Amino acid sequence: MIYMFANYFDTGRPVYHPKLMLKVLLYSYTEGILNCRNIKV
């Protein structure tokens, strides 16, 4: 499993912290945005 994560972190964009993602989702739900595609940064 470590091999899988080692390859994952070498490519693509950096990951977002899970707490940040949870805050964004909770905020969007309180604003009435229920579709993840409608969440804009």
N, C-alpha and C. Protein backbone atom coordinates (compact mmCIF):
# COMPACT_ATOMS: atom_id res chain seq x y z
N MET A 1 0.83 -1.19 0.00
CA MET A 1 0.00 0.00 0.00
C MET A 1 0.87 1.25 0.00
N ILE A 2 1.99 1.23 0.66
CA ILE A 2 2.88 2.38 0.67
C ILE A 2 3.36 2.69 -0.74
N TYR A 3 3.58 1.65 -1.54
CA TYR A 3 4.01 1.84 -2.92
C TYR A 3 2.96 2.62 -3.71
N MET A 4 1.68 2.31 -3.47
CA MET A 4 0.60 2.99 -4.18
C MET A 4 0.59 4.48 -3.82
N PHE A 5 0.71 4.81 -2.55
CA PHE A 5 0.69 6.21 -2.14
C PHE A 5 1.94 6.95 -2.59
N ALA A 6 3.06 6.27 -2.64
CA ALA A 6 4.30 6.91 -3.08
C ALA A 6 4.16 7.35 -4.53
N ASN A 7 3.54 6.55 -5.38
CA ASN A 7 3.33 6.94 -6.77
C ASN A 7 2.26 8.01 -6.90
N TYR A 8 1.28 8.01 -6.03
CA TYR A 8 0.20 8.98 -6.09
C TYR A 8 0.70 10.39 -5.82
N PHE A 9 1.57 10.56 -4.86
CA PHE A 9 2.01 11.88 -4.46
C PHE A 9 3.01 12.50 -5.43
N ASP A 10 3.56 11.72 -6.34
CA ASP A 10 4.53 12.26 -7.28
C ASP A 10 3.89 12.96 -8.48
N THR A 11 2.63 12.74 -8.72
CA THR A 11 1.99 13.29 -9.90
C THR A 11 0.78 14.12 -9.52
N GLY A 12 0.39 15.00 -10.41
CA GLY A 12 -0.83 15.77 -10.21
C GLY A 12 -0.68 16.94 -9.27
N ARG A 13 -1.80 17.49 -8.91
CA ARG A 13 -1.83 18.64 -8.01
C ARG A 13 -1.71 18.19 -6.57
N PRO A 14 -1.26 19.09 -5.69
CA PRO A 14 -1.18 18.72 -4.28
C PRO A 14 -2.59 18.51 -3.69
N VAL A 15 -2.69 17.64 -2.71
CA VAL A 15 -3.98 17.33 -2.12
C VAL A 15 -4.40 18.43 -1.15
N TYR A 16 -5.70 18.57 -0.96
CA TYR A 16 -6.25 19.50 0.01
C TYR A 16 -6.40 18.80 1.35
N HIS A 17 -6.26 19.55 2.42
CA HIS A 17 -6.41 18.99 3.75
C HIS A 17 -7.87 18.60 3.97
N PRO A 18 -8.14 17.45 4.58
CA PRO A 18 -9.53 17.00 4.78
C PRO A 18 -10.39 17.98 5.58
N LYS A 19 -9.80 18.68 6.56
CA LYS A 19 -10.58 19.66 7.33
C LYS A 19 -11.04 20.81 6.44
N LEU A 20 -10.19 21.23 5.52
CA LEU A 20 -10.56 22.30 4.60
C LEU A 20 -11.70 21.85 3.70
N MET A 21 -11.63 20.63 3.19
CA MET A 21 -12.68 20.11 2.32
C MET A 21 -14.01 20.00 3.07
N LEU A 22 -13.96 19.58 4.33
CA LEU A 22 -15.18 19.47 5.13
C LEU A 22 -15.78 20.85 5.36
N LYS A 23 -14.96 21.85 5.64
CA LYS A 23 -15.46 23.21 5.84
C LYS A 23 -16.12 23.74 4.58
N VAL A 24 -15.52 23.49 3.43
CA VAL A 24 -16.11 23.95 2.17
C VAL A 24 -17.45 23.28 1.92
N LEU A 25 -17.54 21.97 2.16
CA LEU A 25 -18.80 21.26 1.96
C LEU A 25 -19.88 21.74 2.92
N LEU A 26 -19.54 21.92 4.18
CA LEU A 26 -20.53 22.39 5.15
C LEU A 26 -21.01 23.80 4.82
N TYR A 27 -20.09 24.66 4.42
CA TYR A 27 -20.48 26.02 4.04
C TYR A 27 -21.40 26.01 2.82
N SER A 28 -21.07 25.20 1.83
CA SER A 28 -21.89 25.16 0.62
C SER A 28 -23.28 24.61 0.93
N TYR A 29 -23.38 23.63 1.80
CA TYR A 29 -24.69 23.10 2.15
C TYR A 29 -25.52 24.13 2.90
N THR A 30 -24.90 24.93 3.76
CA THR A 30 -25.65 25.97 4.46
C THR A 30 -26.09 27.08 3.51
N GLU A 31 -25.37 27.27 2.42
CA GLU A 31 -25.74 28.26 1.42
C GLU A 31 -26.72 27.71 0.39
N GLY A 32 -27.07 26.43 0.49
CA GLY A 32 -28.03 25.82 -0.40
C GLY A 32 -27.44 25.23 -1.66
N ILE A 33 -26.13 25.08 -1.71
CA ILE A 33 -25.48 24.47 -2.87
C ILE A 33 -25.32 22.98 -2.57
N LEU A 34 -26.12 22.17 -3.25
CA LEU A 34 -26.13 20.75 -2.95
C LEU A 34 -25.35 19.93 -3.99
N ASN A 35 -24.93 20.55 -5.07
CA ASN A 35 -24.20 19.86 -6.11
C ASN A 35 -22.73 20.27 -6.03
N CYS A 36 -21.84 19.29 -5.97
CA CYS A 36 -20.41 19.60 -5.83
C CYS A 36 -19.86 20.35 -7.04
N ARG A 37 -20.45 20.17 -8.20
CA ARG A 37 -19.97 20.86 -9.39
C ARG A 37 -20.26 22.37 -9.33
N ASN A 38 -21.22 22.76 -8.52
CA ASN A 38 -21.57 24.17 -8.40
C ASN A 38 -20.71 24.92 -7.39
N ILE A 39 -19.88 24.22 -6.65
CA ILE A 39 -19.02 24.87 -5.66
C ILE A 39 -17.85 25.50 -6.41
N LYS A 40 -17.72 26.81 -6.29
CA LYS A 40 -16.64 27.54 -6.98
C LYS A 40 -15.69 28.08 -5.93
N VAL A 41 -14.45 28.18 -6.31
CA VAL A 41 -13.43 28.69 -5.38
C VAL A 41 -13.33 30.18 -5.54
